[in-house]
Structure formats: C-alpha cells, structure tokens
Amino acid sequence: MEWTGARYADGPTAQVHIRVAAPPVVVWQVVSDVEAMAEMSSELQSVRWTDPTAERGVGATFIGASRHPAMGEWSTTSHVVEWTPLEAFAWAVEDVDSPSATWRFTLQADGDETVLTQWVRMGPGRSGLSAAIDAMPDKEQKIVFVRMREFEANMTATLDQIKDRAELLAQGADRQAGGATTTPEARS
C-alpha cells in the first residue's frame, strides 16, 4: 500500500484480489461461512450469527470478537447490507447508517475459476482507531495509513486461506463427480 495521506473522515479504502481455481458456487460456500472466518484471520477471534436459525441475507447480523496487540480485545455487531449469492456479500460494522467500517467480498466468474476481491472502507462512524486519533491528532494520517496497511495484509492472508479451502472443496467435488465440478443443483 502506498502512502495516501488519507484522514479517517476521507473514508480510506483497501482492496485485495486473488484468482481461485474453483467456480463461484464453491468459493461462495467458503466466503459466506462467516463463522469460519476466525480460522482464517490473525485478528478476528470468533464470529457467530446473532440468530443462528434466521435466513442469511440483508438485515441478518453477526457478532465478531477481535484482538489486536495495540488495541486490545473488542466485539462488534455487523449488519449484512448486501447478499447476492455467488456474487457479493457485504456488511456494515455497528451502525448501518454510519458504520465504523464496511467490508465486502465480490466473486467474479472467469471460466472455471473465480476472481475473489475483498474490500474495506474505514468509517465514517467512530471505531477503535478513533481513540488513538483523538489522543494524537497530529499523527492521524500515519495512524490511518498503518491501519489500512494492516487491513491489506490481513485481507491478503484471508484470501489466501479462502483460496486454499475453496480449491480443496473443488478438488473433492471433481472426484465425486468423476472429474467434472458440478453445482449442488446439478447433483440433486
């Protein structure tokens, strides 16, 4: 990530892409399993749907517990703001109208593969970073830059894990189908 000089109020973003040797139907299985995301992240420690029996989609909520060496431990409630199976999954952290962050996965089919993107926008609502900025307003741009660089590194690691899991699932589907990856609908 290059220095941008962004301030928190600018709503800085970071984005990472990866090519996955699996079709979107398989990648979606991994991306939409929010409870498994903690297994793929150094910062996110656990995730649970607030209502495990509710239908997944826009309006559903989940609670994530995180840990960071400089910021300690915290929990947030996230609200699903986009849910388009096989294409996109996005959530706003804490307040839908003024989230502390908005995260998004997008999947784009490319032949038998998927281009997976993870994107994040910081703010505009207050977050754990706000206390550090309040304490050192003259260092705001550096604080934001360091955090965005952490987001980028964490997203890269998460996408690597998603890629590994999805490709293993796709290989298993190939073996079950005798070499052809099939969708759940095709197997029924």
N, C-alpha and C. Protein backbone atom coordinates (compact mmCIF):
# COMPACT_ATOMS: atom_id res chain seq x y z
N MET A 1 0.85 -1.18 0.00
CA MET A 1 0.00 0.00 0.00
C MET A 1 0.89 1.24 0.00
N GLU A 2 0.58 2.15 -0.87
CA GLU A 2 1.33 3.40 -0.95
C GLU A 2 0.72 4.46 -0.05
N TRP A 3 1.56 5.36 0.42
CA TRP A 3 1.11 6.47 1.26
C TRP A 3 0.09 7.30 0.50
N THR A 4 -1.05 7.57 1.16
CA THR A 4 -2.07 8.39 0.53
C THR A 4 -2.31 9.68 1.29
N GLY A 5 -1.88 9.73 2.55
CA GLY A 5 -2.13 10.91 3.37
C GLY A 5 -3.60 11.03 3.78
N ALA A 6 -4.35 9.93 3.64
CA ALA A 6 -5.78 9.96 3.96
C ALA A 6 -6.02 10.16 5.45
N ARG A 7 -7.09 10.86 5.73
CA ARG A 7 -7.57 11.03 7.10
C ARG A 7 -8.77 10.10 7.28
N TYR A 8 -9.13 9.85 8.53
CA TYR A 8 -10.25 8.96 8.82
C TYR A 8 -11.52 9.42 8.12
N ALA A 9 -11.79 10.71 8.17
CA ALA A 9 -13.02 11.26 7.56
C ALA A 9 -13.05 11.09 6.05
N ASP A 10 -11.91 10.81 5.43
CA ASP A 10 -11.86 10.59 3.98
C ASP A 10 -12.47 9.25 3.58
N GLY A 11 -12.69 8.37 4.55
CA GLY A 11 -13.22 7.04 4.23
C GLY A 11 -12.24 6.24 3.39
N PRO A 12 -10.99 6.10 3.86
CA PRO A 12 -10.00 5.38 3.06
C PRO A 12 -10.39 3.92 2.83
N THR A 13 -9.96 3.39 1.71
CA THR A 13 -10.30 2.01 1.34
C THR A 13 -9.04 1.20 1.04
N ALA A 14 -9.18 -0.10 1.14
CA ALA A 14 -8.15 -1.04 0.72
C ALA A 14 -8.86 -2.19 0.03
N GLN A 15 -8.15 -2.84 -0.89
CA GLN A 15 -8.76 -3.89 -1.69
C GLN A 15 -7.69 -4.89 -2.10
N VAL A 16 -8.04 -6.17 -2.08
CA VAL A 16 -7.12 -7.23 -2.47
C VAL A 16 -7.88 -8.21 -3.37
N HIS A 17 -7.21 -8.72 -4.39
CA HIS A 17 -7.81 -9.68 -5.32
C HIS A 17 -7.00 -10.97 -5.30
N ILE A 18 -7.67 -12.08 -5.61
CA ILE A 18 -6.98 -13.35 -5.80
C ILE A 18 -7.76 -14.19 -6.80
N ARG A 19 -7.05 -14.97 -7.58
CA ARG A 19 -7.69 -15.89 -8.53
C ARG A 19 -7.77 -17.25 -7.85
N VAL A 20 -8.95 -17.83 -7.86
CA VAL A 20 -9.20 -19.10 -7.19
C VAL A 20 -9.57 -20.14 -8.25
N ALA A 21 -8.89 -21.28 -8.22
CA ALA A 21 -9.16 -22.36 -9.19
C ALA A 21 -10.38 -23.16 -8.72
N ALA A 22 -11.50 -22.46 -8.66
CA ALA A 22 -12.78 -23.07 -8.26
C ALA A 22 -13.89 -22.15 -8.77
N PRO A 23 -15.04 -22.71 -9.10
CA PRO A 23 -16.15 -21.88 -9.58
C PRO A 23 -16.77 -21.09 -8.43
N PRO A 24 -17.50 -20.01 -8.73
CA PRO A 24 -18.13 -19.21 -7.68
C PRO A 24 -18.99 -19.99 -6.70
N VAL A 25 -19.68 -21.05 -7.16
CA VAL A 25 -20.54 -21.81 -6.25
C VAL A 25 -19.72 -22.41 -5.10
N VAL A 26 -18.49 -22.78 -5.37
CA VAL A 26 -17.62 -23.35 -4.33
C VAL A 26 -17.02 -22.23 -3.48
N VAL A 27 -16.55 -21.17 -4.11
CA VAL A 27 -15.96 -20.05 -3.38
C VAL A 27 -17.00 -19.42 -2.45
N TRP A 28 -18.25 -19.32 -2.93
CA TRP A 28 -19.32 -18.75 -2.11
C TRP A 28 -19.51 -19.54 -0.82
N GLN A 29 -19.40 -20.87 -0.89
CA GLN A 29 -19.55 -21.70 0.31
C GLN A 29 -18.57 -21.26 1.39
N VAL A 30 -17.37 -20.90 1.01
CA VAL A 30 -16.34 -20.51 1.97
C VAL A 30 -16.56 -19.06 2.42
N VAL A 31 -16.77 -18.17 1.47
CA VAL A 31 -16.92 -16.74 1.77
C VAL A 31 -18.13 -16.46 2.65
N SER A 32 -19.21 -17.16 2.42
CA SER A 32 -20.45 -16.88 3.16
C SER A 32 -20.50 -17.58 4.52
N ASP A 33 -19.50 -18.37 4.85
CA ASP A 33 -19.44 -19.05 6.15
C ASP A 33 -18.70 -18.14 7.14
N VAL A 34 -19.40 -17.11 7.64
CA VAL A 34 -18.74 -16.10 8.49
C VAL A 34 -18.17 -16.72 9.75
N GLU A 35 -18.79 -17.77 10.27
CA GLU A 35 -18.28 -18.37 11.50
C GLU A 35 -16.91 -19.00 11.30
N ALA A 36 -16.58 -19.41 10.09
CA ALA A 36 -15.27 -19.99 9.81
C ALA A 36 -14.19 -18.93 9.56
N MET A 37 -14.61 -17.68 9.37
CA MET A 37 -13.63 -16.62 9.07
C MET A 37 -12.58 -16.45 10.17
N ALA A 38 -12.94 -16.68 11.41
CA ALA A 38 -11.97 -16.54 12.50
C ALA A 38 -10.82 -17.52 12.36
N GLU A 39 -11.06 -18.65 11.73
CA GLU A 39 -9.99 -19.64 11.50
C GLU A 39 -8.99 -19.15 10.46
N MET A 40 -9.36 -18.11 9.71
CA MET A 40 -8.52 -17.64 8.62
C MET A 40 -7.92 -16.26 8.88
N SER A 41 -8.07 -15.76 10.11
CA SER A 41 -7.64 -14.40 10.41
C SER A 41 -6.81 -14.38 11.69
N SER A 42 -5.79 -13.55 11.70
CA SER A 42 -4.99 -13.39 12.91
C SER A 42 -5.65 -12.43 13.90
N GLU A 43 -6.50 -11.54 13.41
CA GLU A 43 -7.13 -10.54 14.27
C GLU A 43 -8.53 -10.97 14.73
N LEU A 44 -9.32 -11.48 13.84
CA LEU A 44 -10.67 -11.93 14.17
C LEU A 44 -10.57 -13.23 14.95
N GLN A 45 -11.16 -13.27 16.13
CA GLN A 45 -11.04 -14.43 17.01
C GLN A 45 -12.25 -15.35 16.97
N SER A 46 -13.43 -14.79 16.80
CA SER A 46 -14.64 -15.61 16.71
C SER A 46 -15.75 -14.82 16.05
N VAL A 47 -16.69 -15.55 15.47
CA VAL A 47 -17.86 -14.94 14.83
C VAL A 47 -19.05 -15.86 15.10
N ARG A 48 -20.19 -15.25 15.38
CA ARG A 48 -21.42 -16.03 15.50
C ARG A 48 -22.59 -15.20 15.00
N TRP A 49 -23.51 -15.86 14.32
CA TRP A 49 -24.74 -15.20 13.89
C TRP A 49 -25.56 -14.89 15.15
N THR A 50 -26.18 -13.72 15.20
CA THR A 50 -26.98 -13.38 16.38
C THR A 50 -28.21 -14.28 16.49
N ASP A 51 -28.74 -14.71 15.36
CA ASP A 51 -29.84 -15.67 15.35
C ASP A 51 -29.45 -16.79 14.38
N PRO A 52 -28.90 -17.88 14.92
CA PRO A 52 -28.42 -18.96 14.05
C PRO A 52 -29.51 -19.59 13.18
N THR A 53 -30.78 -19.40 13.55
CA THR A 53 -31.87 -20.02 12.78
C THR A 53 -32.42 -19.09 11.69
N ALA A 54 -32.04 -17.82 11.73
CA ALA A 54 -32.56 -16.85 10.76
C ALA A 54 -31.95 -17.08 9.38
N GLU A 55 -32.71 -16.71 8.38
CA GLU A 55 -32.23 -16.80 7.00
C GLU A 55 -31.07 -15.83 6.80
N ARG A 56 -30.05 -16.27 6.08
CA ARG A 56 -28.92 -15.41 5.77
C ARG A 56 -29.32 -14.46 4.66
N GLY A 57 -28.95 -13.20 4.81
CA GLY A 57 -29.26 -12.22 3.79
C GLY A 57 -29.23 -10.82 4.37
N VAL A 58 -29.62 -9.86 3.57
CA VAL A 58 -29.62 -8.47 4.00
C VAL A 58 -30.46 -8.34 5.27
N GLY A 59 -29.89 -7.68 6.26
CA GLY A 59 -30.57 -7.49 7.55
C GLY A 59 -30.11 -8.46 8.62
N ALA A 60 -29.54 -9.58 8.24
CA ALA A 60 -29.01 -10.53 9.24
C ALA A 60 -27.83 -9.87 9.95
N THR A 61 -27.60 -10.30 11.18
CA THR A 61 -26.49 -9.72 11.96
C THR A 61 -25.62 -10.81 12.55
N PHE A 62 -24.36 -10.46 12.75
CA PHE A 62 -23.43 -11.38 13.41
C PHE A 62 -22.50 -10.58 14.31
N ILE A 63 -21.98 -11.26 15.32
CA ILE A 63 -21.08 -10.63 16.29
C ILE A 63 -19.69 -11.20 16.08
N GLY A 64 -18.72 -10.30 15.96
CA GLY A 64 -17.34 -10.71 15.81
C GLY A 64 -16.52 -10.23 16.99
N ALA A 65 -15.64 -11.09 17.48
CA ALA A 65 -14.71 -10.73 18.55
C ALA A 65 -13.32 -10.69 17.93
N SER A 66 -12.61 -9.60 18.21
CA SER A 66 -11.29 -9.39 17.62
C SER A 66 -10.25 -9.09 18.69
N ARG A 67 -8.99 -9.24 18.28
CA ARG A 67 -7.87 -8.93 19.17
C ARG A 67 -6.73 -8.35 18.34
N HIS A 68 -6.12 -7.28 18.88
CA HIS A 68 -5.01 -6.61 18.22
C HIS A 68 -3.99 -6.24 19.30
N PRO A 69 -2.70 -6.44 19.05
CA PRO A 69 -1.71 -6.17 20.09
C PRO A 69 -1.74 -4.74 20.63
N ALA A 70 -2.03 -3.78 19.78
CA ALA A 70 -2.03 -2.37 20.22
C ALA A 70 -3.39 -1.88 20.69
N MET A 71 -4.46 -2.56 20.28
CA MET A 71 -5.81 -2.07 20.59
C MET A 71 -6.58 -2.96 21.56
N GLY A 72 -6.02 -4.09 21.93
CA GLY A 72 -6.69 -4.97 22.87
C GLY A 72 -7.75 -5.84 22.22
N GLU A 73 -8.78 -6.17 23.00
CA GLU A 73 -9.86 -7.04 22.54
C GLU A 73 -11.16 -6.25 22.49
N TRP A 74 -12.03 -6.58 21.53
CA TRP A 74 -13.32 -5.92 21.39
C TRP A 74 -14.26 -6.80 20.59
N SER A 75 -15.54 -6.49 20.71
CA SER A 75 -16.57 -7.17 19.93
C SER A 75 -17.39 -6.13 19.19
N THR A 76 -17.88 -6.51 18.02
CA THR A 76 -18.74 -5.63 17.23
C THR A 76 -19.91 -6.43 16.67
N THR A 77 -20.98 -5.72 16.39
CA THR A 77 -22.11 -6.32 15.68
C THR A 77 -22.08 -5.81 14.26
N SER A 78 -22.14 -6.74 13.33
CA SER A 78 -22.14 -6.38 11.92
C SER A 78 -23.49 -6.70 11.30
N HIS A 79 -23.88 -5.86 10.35
CA HIS A 79 -25.18 -5.96 9.69
C HIS A 79 -24.95 -6.26 8.21
N VAL A 80 -25.54 -7.34 7.72
CA VAL A 80 -25.41 -7.67 6.30
C VAL A 80 -26.16 -6.62 5.49
N VAL A 81 -25.44 -5.94 4.59
CA VAL A 81 -26.04 -4.89 3.76
C VAL A 81 -26.11 -5.28 2.29
N GLU A 82 -25.45 -6.37 1.94
CA GLU A 82 -25.54 -6.90 0.57
C GLU A 82 -25.34 -8.40 0.65
N TRP A 83 -26.21 -9.13 -0.02
CA TRP A 83 -26.15 -10.60 -0.03
C TRP A 83 -26.69 -11.06 -1.37
N THR A 84 -25.81 -11.26 -2.31
CA THR A 84 -26.18 -11.76 -3.63
C THR A 84 -25.40 -13.05 -3.83
N PRO A 85 -26.04 -14.21 -3.53
CA PRO A 85 -25.31 -15.47 -3.61
C PRO A 85 -24.54 -15.63 -4.91
N LEU A 86 -23.32 -16.11 -4.75
CA LEU A 86 -22.36 -16.36 -5.83
C LEU A 86 -21.75 -15.08 -6.39
N GLU A 87 -22.15 -13.89 -5.87
CA GLU A 87 -21.62 -12.64 -6.41
C GLU A 87 -21.06 -11.68 -5.36
N ALA A 88 -21.80 -11.40 -4.29
CA ALA A 88 -21.34 -10.38 -3.35
C ALA A 88 -21.93 -10.57 -1.95
N PHE A 89 -21.11 -10.23 -0.96
CA PHE A 89 -21.50 -10.29 0.44
C PHE A 89 -20.81 -9.11 1.12
N ALA A 90 -21.62 -8.21 1.71
CA ALA A 90 -21.06 -7.03 2.37
C ALA A 90 -21.74 -6.82 3.71
N TRP A 91 -20.99 -6.23 4.64
CA TRP A 91 -21.55 -5.94 5.96
C TRP A 91 -21.00 -4.63 6.49
N ALA A 92 -21.86 -3.95 7.25
CA ALA A 92 -21.50 -2.70 7.91
C ALA A 92 -21.29 -3.01 9.38
N VAL A 93 -20.22 -2.48 9.94
CA VAL A 93 -19.88 -2.73 11.34
C VAL A 93 -20.55 -1.70 12.23
N GLU A 94 -21.28 -2.19 13.19
CA GLU A 94 -22.01 -1.45 14.22
C GLU A 94 -23.23 -0.72 13.66
N ASP A 95 -23.07 0.43 13.08
CA ASP A 95 -24.20 1.26 12.67
C ASP A 95 -24.34 1.22 11.15
N VAL A 96 -25.47 0.76 10.66
CA VAL A 96 -25.66 0.65 9.21
C VAL A 96 -25.53 2.01 8.52
N ASP A 97 -26.06 3.07 9.16
CA ASP A 97 -26.04 4.39 8.53
C ASP A 97 -24.69 5.10 8.66
N SER A 98 -23.93 4.77 9.69
CA SER A 98 -22.62 5.38 9.90
C SER A 98 -21.67 4.33 10.47
N PRO A 99 -21.32 3.35 9.65
CA PRO A 99 -20.52 2.23 10.16
C PRO A 99 -19.09 2.64 10.51
N SER A 100 -18.50 1.89 11.44
CA SER A 100 -17.09 2.10 11.73
C SER A 100 -16.24 1.56 10.59
N ALA A 101 -16.78 0.61 9.86
CA ALA A 101 -16.14 0.08 8.65
C ALA A 101 -17.20 -0.67 7.85
N THR A 102 -16.96 -0.78 6.56
CA THR A 102 -17.79 -1.60 5.69
C THR A 102 -16.86 -2.55 4.96
N TRP A 103 -17.21 -3.82 4.98
CA TRP A 103 -16.40 -4.87 4.35
C TRP A 103 -17.22 -5.52 3.24
N ARG A 104 -16.51 -6.02 2.21
CA ARG A 104 -17.23 -6.62 1.08
C ARG A 104 -16.38 -7.66 0.38
N PHE A 105 -17.00 -8.78 0.07
CA PHE A 105 -16.41 -9.78 -0.82
C PHE A 105 -17.19 -9.73 -2.12
N THR A 106 -16.47 -9.78 -3.25
CA THR A 106 -17.14 -9.94 -4.54
C THR A 106 -16.49 -11.12 -5.27
N LEU A 107 -17.32 -11.84 -5.99
CA LEU A 107 -16.88 -13.00 -6.74
C LEU A 107 -17.22 -12.76 -8.20
N GLN A 108 -16.25 -12.99 -9.06
CA GLN A 108 -16.49 -12.84 -10.49
C GLN A 108 -16.03 -14.11 -11.19
N ALA A 109 -16.95 -14.76 -11.88
CA ALA A 109 -16.61 -15.98 -12.62
C ALA A 109 -15.67 -15.63 -13.77
N ASP A 110 -14.69 -16.49 -13.96
CA ASP A 110 -13.76 -16.36 -15.08
C ASP A 110 -13.46 -17.78 -15.56
N GLY A 111 -14.29 -18.26 -16.48
CA GLY A 111 -14.18 -19.66 -16.91
C GLY A 111 -14.55 -20.56 -15.74
N ASP A 112 -13.68 -21.51 -15.44
CA ASP A 112 -13.89 -22.43 -14.31
C ASP A 112 -13.32 -21.87 -13.02
N GLU A 113 -12.83 -20.65 -13.05
CA GLU A 113 -12.21 -20.04 -11.89
C GLU A 113 -13.04 -18.86 -11.39
N THR A 114 -12.59 -18.30 -10.27
CA THR A 114 -13.26 -17.14 -9.68
C THR A 114 -12.21 -16.11 -9.31
N VAL A 115 -12.48 -14.86 -9.66
CA VAL A 115 -11.66 -13.76 -9.16
C VAL A 115 -12.39 -13.26 -7.91
N LEU A 116 -11.73 -13.40 -6.77
CA LEU A 116 -12.30 -13.02 -5.49
C LEU A 116 -11.64 -11.73 -5.02
N THR A 117 -12.47 -10.77 -4.62
CA THR A 117 -11.98 -9.47 -4.13
C THR A 117 -12.52 -9.26 -2.72
N GLN A 118 -11.64 -8.80 -1.84
CA GLN A 118 -12.09 -8.32 -0.54
C GLN A 118 -11.75 -6.84 -0.46
N TRP A 119 -12.71 -6.06 0.01
CA TRP A 119 -12.62 -4.60 0.05
C TRP A 119 -13.06 -4.13 1.42
N VAL A 120 -12.47 -3.05 1.90
CA VAL A 120 -12.88 -2.43 3.16
C VAL A 120 -12.83 -0.92 3.02
N ARG A 121 -13.80 -0.26 3.65
CA ARG A 121 -13.77 1.21 3.78
C ARG A 121 -13.83 1.52 5.27
N MET A 122 -12.93 2.34 5.71
CA MET A 122 -12.89 2.78 7.10
C MET A 122 -13.87 3.92 7.30
N GLY A 123 -14.64 3.86 8.40
CA GLY A 123 -15.55 4.94 8.74
C GLY A 123 -16.84 4.87 7.93
N PRO A 124 -17.64 5.91 8.03
CA PRO A 124 -17.38 7.21 8.65
C PRO A 124 -17.62 7.25 10.16
N GLY A 125 -18.30 6.21 10.71
CA GLY A 125 -18.55 6.19 12.16
C GLY A 125 -17.27 5.95 12.94
N ARG A 126 -17.32 6.27 14.22
CA ARG A 126 -16.15 6.09 15.07
C ARG A 126 -15.83 4.61 15.24
N SER A 127 -14.54 4.34 15.43
CA SER A 127 -14.08 2.96 15.63
C SER A 127 -13.03 2.97 16.74
N GLY A 128 -12.46 1.82 16.99
CA GLY A 128 -11.38 1.72 17.96
C GLY A 128 -10.20 2.61 17.62
N LEU A 129 -10.03 2.90 16.36
CA LEU A 129 -8.94 3.77 15.92
C LEU A 129 -9.18 5.23 16.32
N SER A 130 -10.43 5.58 16.52
CA SER A 130 -10.77 6.97 16.83
C SER A 130 -10.10 7.45 18.12
N ALA A 131 -9.97 6.60 19.13
CA ALA A 131 -9.33 6.99 20.39
C ALA A 131 -7.86 7.34 20.16
N ALA A 132 -7.18 6.57 19.33
CA ALA A 132 -5.77 6.86 19.02
C ALA A 132 -5.65 8.19 18.27
N ILE A 133 -6.56 8.42 17.35
CA ILE A 133 -6.55 9.68 16.59
C ILE A 133 -6.87 10.85 17.51
N ASP A 134 -7.83 10.69 18.42
CA ASP A 134 -8.15 11.75 19.38
C ASP A 134 -6.95 12.09 20.25
N ALA A 135 -6.19 11.06 20.65
CA ALA A 135 -5.04 11.28 21.53
C ALA A 135 -3.85 11.89 20.79
N MET A 136 -3.75 11.64 19.49
CA MET A 136 -2.61 12.13 18.71
C MET A 136 -3.09 12.68 17.37
N PRO A 137 -3.87 13.75 17.37
CA PRO A 137 -4.45 14.25 16.12
C PRO A 137 -3.40 14.63 15.08
N ASP A 138 -2.22 15.03 15.52
CA ASP A 138 -1.17 15.39 14.58
C ASP A 138 -0.61 14.17 13.85
N LYS A 139 -0.90 12.98 14.32
CA LYS A 139 -0.42 11.74 13.69
C LYS A 139 -1.55 10.98 12.98
N GLU A 140 -2.69 11.63 12.79
CA GLU A 140 -3.85 10.95 12.21
C GLU A 140 -3.53 10.25 10.90
N GLN A 141 -2.87 10.93 9.98
CA GLN A 141 -2.61 10.34 8.67
C GLN A 141 -1.73 9.09 8.80
N LYS A 142 -0.76 9.13 9.69
CA LYS A 142 0.10 7.96 9.87
C LYS A 142 -0.68 6.82 10.53
N ILE A 143 -1.51 7.14 11.53
CA ILE A 143 -2.33 6.12 12.20
C ILE A 143 -3.24 5.44 11.18
N VAL A 144 -3.90 6.22 10.35
CA VAL A 144 -4.80 5.67 9.33
C VAL A 144 -4.01 4.82 8.34
N PHE A 145 -2.87 5.31 7.89
CA PHE A 145 -2.05 4.58 6.92
C PHE A 145 -1.61 3.22 7.48
N VAL A 146 -1.13 3.21 8.71
CA VAL A 146 -0.68 1.96 9.32
C VAL A 146 -1.83 0.97 9.43
N ARG A 147 -3.01 1.45 9.84
CA ARG A 147 -4.16 0.55 9.98
C ARG A 147 -4.62 0.02 8.63
N MET A 148 -4.62 0.88 7.61
CA MET A 148 -5.01 0.43 6.27
C MET A 148 -4.01 -0.60 5.74
N ARG A 149 -2.74 -0.40 6.04
CA ARG A 149 -1.72 -1.38 5.63
C ARG A 149 -1.95 -2.71 6.36
N GLU A 150 -2.33 -2.65 7.64
CA GLU A 150 -2.68 -3.88 8.37
C GLU A 150 -3.89 -4.56 7.73
N PHE A 151 -4.91 -3.78 7.40
CA PHE A 151 -6.09 -4.34 6.74
C PHE A 151 -5.68 -5.07 5.46
N GLU A 152 -4.84 -4.43 4.66
CA GLU A 152 -4.42 -5.01 3.39
C GLU A 152 -3.67 -6.33 3.62
N ALA A 153 -2.76 -6.35 4.59
CA ALA A 153 -2.01 -7.58 4.89
C ALA A 153 -2.94 -8.68 5.40
N ASN A 154 -3.87 -8.32 6.29
CA ASN A 154 -4.81 -9.31 6.82
C ASN A 154 -5.73 -9.83 5.74
N MET A 155 -6.19 -8.96 4.84
CA MET A 155 -7.06 -9.40 3.75
C MET A 155 -6.31 -10.34 2.82
N THR A 156 -5.05 -10.04 2.55
CA THR A 156 -4.24 -10.91 1.69
C THR A 156 -4.13 -12.30 2.30
N ALA A 157 -3.87 -12.37 3.60
CA ALA A 157 -3.76 -13.66 4.29
C ALA A 157 -5.11 -14.39 4.28
N THR A 158 -6.19 -13.66 4.50
CA THR A 158 -7.53 -14.27 4.50
C THR A 158 -7.87 -14.82 3.12
N LEU A 159 -7.60 -14.04 2.07
CA LEU A 159 -7.91 -14.53 0.72
C LEU A 159 -7.06 -15.75 0.37
N ASP A 160 -5.82 -15.80 0.83
CA ASP A 160 -5.00 -17.00 0.62
C ASP A 160 -5.66 -18.22 1.26
N GLN A 161 -6.18 -18.04 2.47
CA GLN A 161 -6.85 -19.14 3.18
C GLN A 161 -8.15 -19.55 2.46
N ILE A 162 -8.92 -18.56 2.02
CA ILE A 162 -10.15 -18.86 1.30
C ILE A 162 -9.83 -19.63 0.02
N LYS A 163 -8.81 -19.19 -0.70
CA LYS A 163 -8.38 -19.86 -1.93
C LYS A 163 -8.04 -21.32 -1.65
N ASP A 164 -7.24 -21.56 -0.60
CA ASP A 164 -6.85 -22.93 -0.27
C ASP A 164 -8.07 -23.79 0.04
N ARG A 165 -8.98 -23.27 0.84
CA ARG A 165 -10.18 -24.04 1.22
C ARG A 165 -11.08 -24.31 0.02
N ALA A 166 -11.30 -23.29 -0.79
CA ALA A 166 -12.18 -23.45 -1.95
C ALA A 166 -11.59 -24.42 -2.96
N GLU A 167 -10.29 -24.34 -3.17
CA GLU A 167 -9.67 -25.25 -4.14
C GLU A 167 -9.71 -26.70 -3.64
N LEU A 168 -9.56 -26.91 -2.34
CA LEU A 168 -9.71 -28.26 -1.79
C LEU A 168 -11.14 -28.76 -1.96
N LEU A 169 -12.12 -27.90 -1.69
CA LEU A 169 -13.52 -28.28 -1.90
C LEU A 169 -13.79 -28.63 -3.36
N ALA A 170 -13.25 -27.82 -4.27
CA ALA A 170 -13.46 -28.05 -5.70
C ALA A 170 -12.82 -29.37 -6.13
N GLN A 171 -11.65 -29.67 -5.59
CA GLN A 171 -11.00 -30.95 -5.93
C GLN A 171 -11.84 -32.12 -5.44
N GLY A 172 -12.43 -31.99 -4.25
CA GLY A 172 -13.31 -33.03 -3.73
C GLY A 172 -14.54 -33.20 -4.59
N ALA A 173 -15.11 -32.09 -5.06
CA ALA A 173 -16.28 -32.14 -5.94
C ALA A 173 -15.91 -32.80 -7.26
N ASP A 174 -14.70 -32.49 -7.76
CA ASP A 174 -14.23 -33.12 -9.00
C ASP A 174 -14.17 -34.64 -8.85
N ARG A 175 -13.63 -35.09 -7.73
CA ARG A 175 -13.50 -36.54 -7.52
C ARG A 175 -14.88 -37.19 -7.40
N GLN A 176 -15.80 -36.54 -6.70
CA GLN A 176 -17.15 -37.10 -6.54
C GLN A 176 -17.90 -37.17 -7.87
N ALA A 177 -17.65 -36.19 -8.71
CA ALA A 177 -18.37 -36.13 -9.99
C ALA A 177 -17.62 -36.84 -11.11
N GLY A 178 -16.53 -37.48 -10.78
CA GLY A 178 -15.77 -38.17 -11.81
C GLY A 178 -15.02 -37.23 -12.72
N GLY A 179 -14.61 -36.08 -12.17
CA GLY A 179 -13.79 -35.17 -12.95
C GLY A 179 -14.46 -33.87 -13.31
N ALA A 180 -15.78 -33.79 -13.22
CA ALA A 180 -16.47 -32.56 -13.59
C ALA A 180 -17.00 -31.89 -12.33
N THR A 181 -16.62 -30.65 -12.11
CA THR A 181 -17.14 -29.91 -10.98
C THR A 181 -18.60 -29.57 -11.26
N THR A 182 -19.45 -29.89 -10.30
CA THR A 182 -20.87 -29.64 -10.51
C THR A 182 -21.41 -28.73 -9.42
N THR A 183 -22.51 -28.12 -9.70
CA THR A 183 -23.19 -27.29 -8.70
C THR A 183 -24.08 -28.17 -7.85
N PRO A 184 -24.46 -27.71 -6.66
CA PRO A 184 -25.39 -28.50 -5.85
C PRO A 184 -26.70 -28.81 -6.60
N GLU A 185 -27.17 -27.87 -7.42
CA GLU A 185 -28.41 -28.08 -8.16
C GLU A 185 -28.25 -29.22 -9.15
N ALA A 186 -27.08 -29.32 -9.78
CA ALA A 186 -26.86 -30.36 -10.78
C ALA A 186 -26.77 -31.74 -10.16
N ARG A 187 -26.39 -31.80 -8.86
CA ARG A 187 -26.27 -33.09 -8.19
C ARG A 187 -27.59 -33.58 -7.64
N SER A 188 -28.63 -32.73 -7.60
CA SER A 188 -29.90 -33.18 -6.99
C SER A 188 -30.79 -33.87 -7.98
